[in-house]
Amino acid sequence: MSSPRRRLLRPARQSSDDNPRQAQLVARRTRLQTEQQSLARWMSRLKRAFHAVERHQQKVSRLEREIARLQQG
């Protein structure tokens, strides 16, 4: 015979969590804060990478101009 499904025992709600909307607000605010921190970290990495690419593009264009100038003269 199959055994009955196991029931999950969950703790009773606390009196401060009477309003589920309030709990959702708190959860969303904490999630927003962590996402904002994560975005700030990624933005600093992105800026650093963007400027590195920009420097490489300037070096390549400078070298291309120098090569073109040397080939003509």
C-alpha atoms as a PDB file:
ATOM      1  CA  MET A   1       0.000   0.000   0.000  1.00  0.00           C
ATOM      2  CA  SER A   2       1.109   3.517  -0.625  1.00  0.00           C
ATOM      3  CA  SER A   3       1.748   5.752   2.308  1.00  0.00           C
ATOM      4  CA  PRO A   4      -0.169   9.015   2.776  1.00  0.00           C
ATOM      5  CA  ARG A   5       1.493  12.230   1.671  1.00  0.00           C
ATOM      6  CA  ARG A   6       3.707  13.902   4.200  1.00  0.00           C
ATOM      7  CA  ARG A   7       2.280  17.128   5.561  1.00  0.00           C
ATOM      8  CA  LEU A   8       4.472  20.185   5.948  1.00  0.00           C
ATOM      9  CA  LEU A   9       4.266  21.720   9.369  1.00  0.00           C
ATOM     10  CA  ARG A  10       4.617  25.459   9.100  1.00  0.00           C
ATOM     11  CA  PRO A  11       4.958  27.836  12.030  1.00  0.00           C
ATOM     12  CA  ALA A  12       1.915  29.866  12.929  1.00  0.00           C
ATOM     13  CA  ARG A  13       1.852  33.437  11.723  1.00  0.00           C
ATOM     14  CA  GLN A  14       3.176  36.031  14.090  1.00  0.00           C
ATOM     15  CA  SER A  15       0.972  38.853  15.224  1.00  0.00           C
ATOM     16  CA  SER A  16       3.173  41.433  13.456  1.00  0.00           C
ATOM     17  CA  ASP A  17       2.593  39.690  10.112  1.00  0.00           C
ATOM     18  CA  ASP A  18      -1.165  40.095  10.258  1.00  0.00           C
ATOM     19  CA  ASN A  19      -1.109  42.149   7.106  1.00  0.00           C
ATOM     20  CA  PRO A  20       0.269  40.110   4.186  1.00  0.00           C
ATOM     21  CA  ARG A  21       0.680  43.271   2.121  1.00  0.00           C
ATOM     22  CA  GLN A  22       3.031  44.682   4.727  1.00  0.00           C
ATOM     23  CA  ALA A  23       5.133  41.529   4.600  1.00  0.00           C
ATOM     24  CA  GLN A  24       5.231  41.727   0.809  1.00  0.00           C
ATOM     25  CA  LEU A  25       6.305  45.354   0.979  1.00  0.00           C
ATOM     26  CA  VAL A  26       9.150  44.542   3.340  1.00  0.00           C
ATOM     27  CA  ALA A  27      10.272  41.622   1.172  1.00  0.00           C
ATOM     28  CA  ARG A  28      10.162  43.705  -2.002  1.00  0.00           C
ATOM     29  CA  ARG A  29      12.066  46.581  -0.384  1.00  0.00           C
ATOM     30  CA  THR A  30      14.856  44.277   0.765  1.00  0.00           C
ATOM     31  CA  ARG A  31      14.978  42.658  -2.677  1.00  0.00           C
ATOM     32  CA  LEU A  32      15.089  46.108  -4.295  1.00  0.00           C
ATOM     33  CA  GLN A  33      17.997  47.104  -2.071  1.00  0.00           C
ATOM     34  CA  THR A  34      20.021  44.007  -2.973  1.00  0.00           C
ATOM     35  CA  GLU A  35      19.269  44.474  -6.685  1.00  0.00           C
ATOM     36  CA  GLN A  36      20.331  48.133  -6.509  1.00  0.00           C
ATOM     37  CA  GLN A  37      23.626  47.138  -4.892  1.00  0.00           C
ATOM     38  CA  SER A  38      24.176  44.482  -7.544  1.00  0.00           C
ATOM     39  CA  LEU A  39      23.404  46.970 -10.318  1.00  0.00           C
ATOM     40  CA  ALA A  40      25.853  49.486  -8.871  1.00  0.00           C
ATOM     41  CA  ARG A  41      28.613  46.853  -8.854  1.00  0.00           C
ATOM     42  CA  TRP A  42      27.877  45.865 -12.439  1.00  0.00           C
ATOM     43  CA  MET A  43      27.735  49.476 -13.573  1.00  0.00           C
ATOM     44  CA  SER A  44      31.199  50.166 -12.173  1.00  0.00           C
ATOM     45  CA  ARG A  45      32.528  47.070 -13.965  1.00  0.00           C
ATOM     46  CA  LEU A  46      30.784  48.106 -17.158  1.00  0.00           C
ATOM     47  CA  LYS A  47      32.214  51.625 -17.031  1.00  0.00           C
ATOM     48  CA  ARG A  48      35.696  50.266 -16.460  1.00  0.00           C
ATOM     49  CA  ALA A  49      35.342  47.821 -19.374  1.00  0.00           C
ATOM     50  CA  PHE A  50      33.866  50.479 -21.648  1.00  0.00           C
ATOM     51  CA  HIS A  51      36.781  52.841 -21.061  1.00  0.00           C
ATOM     52  CA  ALA A  52      39.277  50.026 -21.647  1.00  0.00           C
ATOM     53  CA  VAL A  53      37.639  49.277 -25.007  1.00  0.00           C
ATOM     54  CA  GLU A  54      37.620  52.969 -25.818  1.00  0.00           C
ATOM     55  CA  ARG A  55      41.374  53.209 -25.145  1.00  0.00           C
ATOM     56  CA  HIS A  56      42.060  50.213 -27.385  1.00  0.00           C
ATOM     57  CA  GLN A  57      39.974  51.724 -30.186  1.00  0.00           C
ATOM     58  CA  GLN A  58      41.958  54.964 -29.936  1.00  0.00           C
ATOM     59  CA  LYS A  59      45.265  53.075 -30.085  1.00  0.00           C
ATOM     60  CA  VAL A  60      44.143  51.082 -33.127  1.00  0.00           C
ATOM     61  CA  SER A  61      42.936  54.165 -35.007  1.00  0.00           C
ATOM     62  CA  ARG A  62      46.142  56.031 -34.121  1.00  0.00           C
ATOM     63  CA  LEU A  63      48.275  53.142 -35.410  1.00  0.00           C
ATOM     64  CA  GLU A  64      46.175  52.888 -38.586  1.00  0.00           C
ATOM     65  CA  ARG A  65      46.675  56.627 -39.245  1.00  0.00           C
ATOM     66  CA  GLU A  66      50.429  56.333 -38.655  1.00  0.00           C
ATOM     67  CA  ILE A  67      50.689  53.342 -41.005  1.00  0.00           C
ATOM     68  CA  ALA A  68      48.682  55.169 -43.706  1.00  0.00           C
ATOM     69  CA  ARG A  69      50.865  58.253 -43.312  1.00  0.00           C
ATOM     70  CA  LEU A  70      54.082  56.191 -43.551  1.00  0.00           C
ATOM     71  CA  GLN A  71      52.856  54.326 -46.628  1.00  0.00           C
ATOM     72  CA  GLN A  72      52.074  57.586 -48.488  1.00  0.00           C
ATOM     73  CA  GLY A  73      55.298  59.350 -47.657  1.00  0.00           C
END
